[in-house]
């Protein structure tokens, strides 16, 4: 009886982990006239999508942090502060589950900067 209850609780915990925690794939889609869409696909097939309007985006940067005894790099989106024109209201990390190497982050960063520069060079008329 106790063994079957322990197996049942373990299976429920494993299913919960696969559905809510284990991320298989993360994607970043930037459309210069609309915004940035970040999608996380979980092992269970569930998807979580976040969209940031281009008017709120100040810049995309590669940030670094010291974790234990090593330096890790991650891509972030800086959001404009509506109260202060030169301020930053929020820093949004892009790949939260995947830990891409620095050379991969540099490729993504350059692509993002090209798209952001193109969007700022061609202003939309009201």
C-alpha atoms as a PDB file:
ATOM      1  CA  UNK A   1       0.000   0.000   0.000  1.00  0.00           C
ATOM      2  CA  UNK A   2       2.737   2.478   0.977  1.00  0.00           C
ATOM      3  CA  UNK A   3       4.875   1.437  -1.989  1.00  0.00           C
ATOM      4  CA  UNK A   4       2.049   2.017  -4.474  1.00  0.00           C
ATOM      5  CA  UNK A   5       1.325   5.437  -2.943  1.00  0.00           C
ATOM      6  CA  UNK A   6       5.012   6.375  -3.210  1.00  0.00           C
ATOM      7  CA  UNK A   7       5.088   5.276  -6.877  1.00  0.00           C
ATOM      8  CA  UNK A   8       1.896   7.237  -7.586  1.00  0.00           C
ATOM      9  CA  UNK A   9       3.278  10.410  -5.952  1.00  0.00           C
ATOM     10  CA  UNK A  10       6.554  10.024  -7.872  1.00  0.00           C
ATOM     11  CA  UNK A  11       4.686   9.699 -11.188  1.00  0.00           C
ATOM     12  CA  UNK A  12       2.568  12.768 -10.420  1.00  0.00           C
ATOM     13  CA  UNK A  13       5.728  14.713  -9.536  1.00  0.00           C
ATOM     14  CA  UNK A  14       7.443  13.609 -12.747  1.00  0.00           C
ATOM     15  CA  UNK A  15       4.454  14.623 -14.870  1.00  0.00           C
ATOM     16  CA  UNK A  16       4.317  17.993 -13.103  1.00  0.00           C
ATOM     17  CA  UNK A  17       8.033  18.504 -13.740  1.00  0.00           C
ATOM     18  CA  UNK A  18       7.640  17.703 -17.460  1.00  0.00           C
ATOM     19  CA  UNK A  19       4.616  19.969 -17.818  1.00  0.00           C
ATOM     20  CA  UNK A  20       5.733  23.029 -15.842  1.00  0.00           C
ATOM     21  CA  UNK A  21       9.535  22.988 -15.570  1.00  0.00           C
ATOM     22  CA  UNK A  22      11.377  21.046 -18.313  1.00  0.00           C
ATOM     23  CA  UNK A  23      11.847  23.370 -21.310  1.00  0.00           C
ATOM     24  CA  UNK A  24      12.828  21.697 -24.588  1.00  0.00           C
ATOM     25  CA  UNK A  25      13.165  24.688 -26.899  1.00  0.00           C
ATOM     26  CA  UNK A  26      13.301  28.471 -26.687  1.00  0.00           C
ATOM     27  CA  UNK A  27      12.841  30.758 -29.686  1.00  0.00           C
ATOM     28  CA  UNK A  28      13.248  34.476 -30.280  1.00  0.00           C
ATOM     29  CA  UNK A  29      11.389  36.211 -33.107  1.00  0.00           C
ATOM     30  CA  UNK A  30      11.993  39.891 -33.875  1.00  0.00           C
ATOM     31  CA  UNK A  31       9.855  41.834 -36.339  1.00  0.00           C
ATOM     32  CA  UNK A  32      11.152  45.387 -36.611  1.00  0.00           C
ATOM     33  CA  UNK A  33       7.764  47.042 -37.037  1.00  0.00           C
ATOM     34  CA  UNK A  34       5.903  45.001 -34.383  1.00  0.00           C
ATOM     35  CA  UNK A  35       8.078  43.716 -31.565  1.00  0.00           C
ATOM     36  CA  UNK A  36       9.837  40.770 -30.004  1.00  0.00           C
ATOM     37  CA  UNK A  37       8.218  37.397 -29.323  1.00  0.00           C
ATOM     38  CA  UNK A  38       9.831  34.853 -26.987  1.00  0.00           C
ATOM     39  CA  UNK A  39       8.434  31.306 -26.981  1.00  0.00           C
ATOM     40  CA  UNK A  40       9.306  28.433 -24.629  1.00  0.00           C
ATOM     41  CA  UNK A  41       8.232  24.890 -25.548  1.00  0.00           C
ATOM     42  CA  UNK A  42       7.969  22.455 -22.656  1.00  0.00           C
ATOM     43  CA  UNK A  43       8.589  18.686 -22.770  1.00  0.00           C
ATOM     44  CA  UNK A  44       4.862  18.020 -22.435  1.00  0.00           C
ATOM     45  CA  UNK A  45       4.075  20.057 -25.567  1.00  0.00           C
ATOM     46  CA  UNK A  46       2.855  23.133 -23.689  1.00  0.00           C
ATOM     47  CA  UNK A  47       4.052  26.488 -25.048  1.00  0.00           C
ATOM     48  CA  UNK A  48       4.517  29.789 -23.245  1.00  0.00           C
ATOM     49  CA  UNK A  49       4.757  32.990 -25.305  1.00  0.00           C
ATOM     50  CA  UNK A  50       5.766  36.503 -24.268  1.00  0.00           C
ATOM     51  CA  UNK A  51       5.442  39.504 -26.585  1.00  0.00           C
ATOM     52  CA  UNK A  52       7.154  42.879 -26.138  1.00  0.00           C
ATOM     53  CA  UNK A  53       6.118  45.821 -28.315  1.00  0.00           C
ATOM     54  CA  UNK A  54       8.941  47.455 -30.260  1.00  0.00           C
ATOM     55  CA  UNK A  55       8.109  50.863 -28.765  1.00  0.00           C
ATOM     56  CA  UNK A  56       9.008  49.520 -25.314  1.00  0.00           C
ATOM     57  CA  UNK A  57      12.380  48.075 -26.407  1.00  0.00           C
ATOM     58  CA  UNK A  58      15.385  50.247 -25.665  1.00  0.00           C
ATOM     59  CA  UNK A  59      18.148  47.807 -26.627  1.00  0.00           C
ATOM     60  CA  UNK A  60      19.299  44.186 -26.704  1.00  0.00           C
ATOM     61  CA  UNK A  61      22.512  43.410 -24.824  1.00  0.00           C
ATOM     62  CA  UNK A  62      24.746  40.549 -23.765  1.00  0.00           C
ATOM     63  CA  UNK A  63      25.097  40.641 -19.994  1.00  0.00           C
ATOM     64  CA  UNK A  64      27.462  38.691 -17.798  1.00  0.00           C
ATOM     65  CA  UNK A  65      27.114  37.248 -14.328  1.00  0.00           C
ATOM     66  CA  UNK A  66      29.375  35.388 -11.957  1.00  0.00           C
ATOM     67  CA  UNK A  67      27.862  32.063 -10.940  1.00  0.00           C
ATOM     68  CA  UNK A  68      29.808  29.947  -8.475  1.00  0.00           C
ATOM     69  CA  UNK A  69      33.337  30.088  -9.928  1.00  0.00           C
ATOM     70  CA  UNK A  70      32.618  30.882 -13.566  1.00  0.00           C
ATOM     71  CA  UNK A  71      31.323  33.729 -15.673  1.00  0.00           C
ATOM     72  CA  UNK A  72      28.117  33.079 -17.607  1.00  0.00           C
ATOM     73  CA  UNK A  73      26.775  35.216 -20.433  1.00  0.00           C
ATOM     74  CA  UNK A  74      23.124  35.750 -21.299  1.00  0.00           C
ATOM     75  CA  UNK A  75      21.087  37.849 -23.727  1.00  0.00           C
ATOM     76  CA  UNK A  76      18.794  40.535 -22.275  1.00  0.00           C
ATOM     77  CA  UNK A  77      16.218  43.000 -23.577  1.00  0.00           C
ATOM     78  CA  UNK A  78      16.252  46.440 -21.961  1.00  0.00           C
ATOM     79  CA  UNK A  79      12.827  48.094 -21.725  1.00  0.00           C
ATOM     80  CA  UNK A  80      12.248  51.861 -21.788  1.00  0.00           C
ATOM     81  CA  UNK A  81      11.144  53.618 -18.636  1.00  0.00           C
ATOM     82  CA  UNK A  82       7.983  55.617 -19.468  1.00  0.00           C
ATOM     83  CA  UNK A  83       8.716  58.170 -16.705  1.00  0.00           C
ATOM     84  CA  UNK A  84      12.352  58.831 -17.605  1.00  0.00           C
ATOM     85  CA  UNK A  85      13.357  58.931 -21.313  1.00  0.00           C
ATOM     86  CA  UNK A  86      16.947  57.763 -20.756  1.00  0.00           C
ATOM     87  CA  UNK A  87      16.080  55.244 -18.033  1.00  0.00           C
ATOM     88  CA  UNK A  88      15.557  51.511 -18.092  1.00  0.00           C
ATOM     89  CA  UNK A  89      12.469  50.108 -16.413  1.00  0.00           C
ATOM     90  CA  UNK A  90      13.164  46.393 -16.726  1.00  0.00           C
ATOM     91  CA  UNK A  91      15.773  43.873 -17.883  1.00  0.00           C
ATOM     92  CA  UNK A  92      14.218  40.781 -19.509  1.00  0.00           C
ATOM     93  CA  UNK A  93      16.471  37.715 -19.976  1.00  0.00           C
ATOM     94  CA  UNK A  94      15.814  35.944 -23.263  1.00  0.00           C
ATOM     95  CA  UNK A  95      17.064  32.350 -22.982  1.00  0.00           C
ATOM     96  CA  UNK A  96      16.233  31.422 -19.402  1.00  0.00           C
ATOM     97  CA  UNK A  97      16.557  27.641 -19.677  1.00  0.00           C
ATOM     98  CA  UNK A  98      19.129  27.202 -22.431  1.00  0.00           C
ATOM     99  CA  UNK A  99      22.643  28.346 -21.711  1.00  0.00           C
ATOM    100  CA  UNK A 100      24.093  29.118 -25.174  1.00  0.00           C
ATOM    101  CA  UNK A 101      27.826  29.655 -25.524  1.00  0.00           C
ATOM    102  CA  UNK A 102      29.159  33.176 -25.984  1.00  0.00           C
ATOM    103  CA  UNK A 103      29.865  32.716 -29.707  1.00  0.00           C
ATOM    104  CA  UNK A 104      26.215  31.690 -30.290  1.00  0.00           C
ATOM    105  CA  UNK A 105      24.984  34.665 -28.240  1.00  0.00           C
ATOM    106  CA  UNK A 106      27.149  37.017 -30.321  1.00  0.00           C
ATOM    107  CA  UNK A 107      25.517  35.732 -33.530  1.00  0.00           C
ATOM    108  CA  UNK A 108      22.020  36.271 -32.094  1.00  0.00           C
ATOM    109  CA  UNK A 109      23.057  39.677 -30.721  1.00  0.00           C
ATOM    110  CA  UNK A 110      24.353  40.865 -34.121  1.00  0.00           C
ATOM    111  CA  UNK A 111      21.151  39.752 -35.843  1.00  0.00           C
ATOM    112  CA  UNK A 112      19.048  41.541 -33.235  1.00  0.00           C
ATOM    113  CA  UNK A 113      21.092  44.734 -33.583  1.00  0.00           C
ATOM    114  CA  UNK A 114      20.709  44.669 -37.388  1.00  0.00           C
ATOM    115  CA  UNK A 115      16.936  44.381 -37.070  1.00  0.00           C
ATOM    116  CA  UNK A 116      16.727  47.052 -34.351  1.00  0.00           C
ATOM    117  CA  UNK A 117      18.942  49.430 -36.371  1.00  0.00           C
ATOM    118  CA  UNK A 118      16.805  48.853 -39.472  1.00  0.00           C
ATOM    119  CA  UNK A 119      13.634  49.567 -37.471  1.00  0.00           C
ATOM    120  CA  UNK A 120      15.063  52.820 -36.090  1.00  0.00           C
ATOM    121  CA  UNK A 121      16.360  53.915 -39.505  1.00  0.00           C
ATOM    122  CA  UNK A 122      12.922  53.620 -41.121  1.00  0.00           C
ATOM    123  CA  UNK A 123      10.476  55.473 -38.858  1.00  0.00           C
ATOM    124  CA  UNK A 124       6.812  54.788 -39.397  1.00  0.00           C
ATOM    125  CA  UNK A 125       4.580  57.708 -40.328  1.00  0.00           C
ATOM    126  CA  UNK A 126       1.338  58.191 -38.369  1.00  0.00           C
END
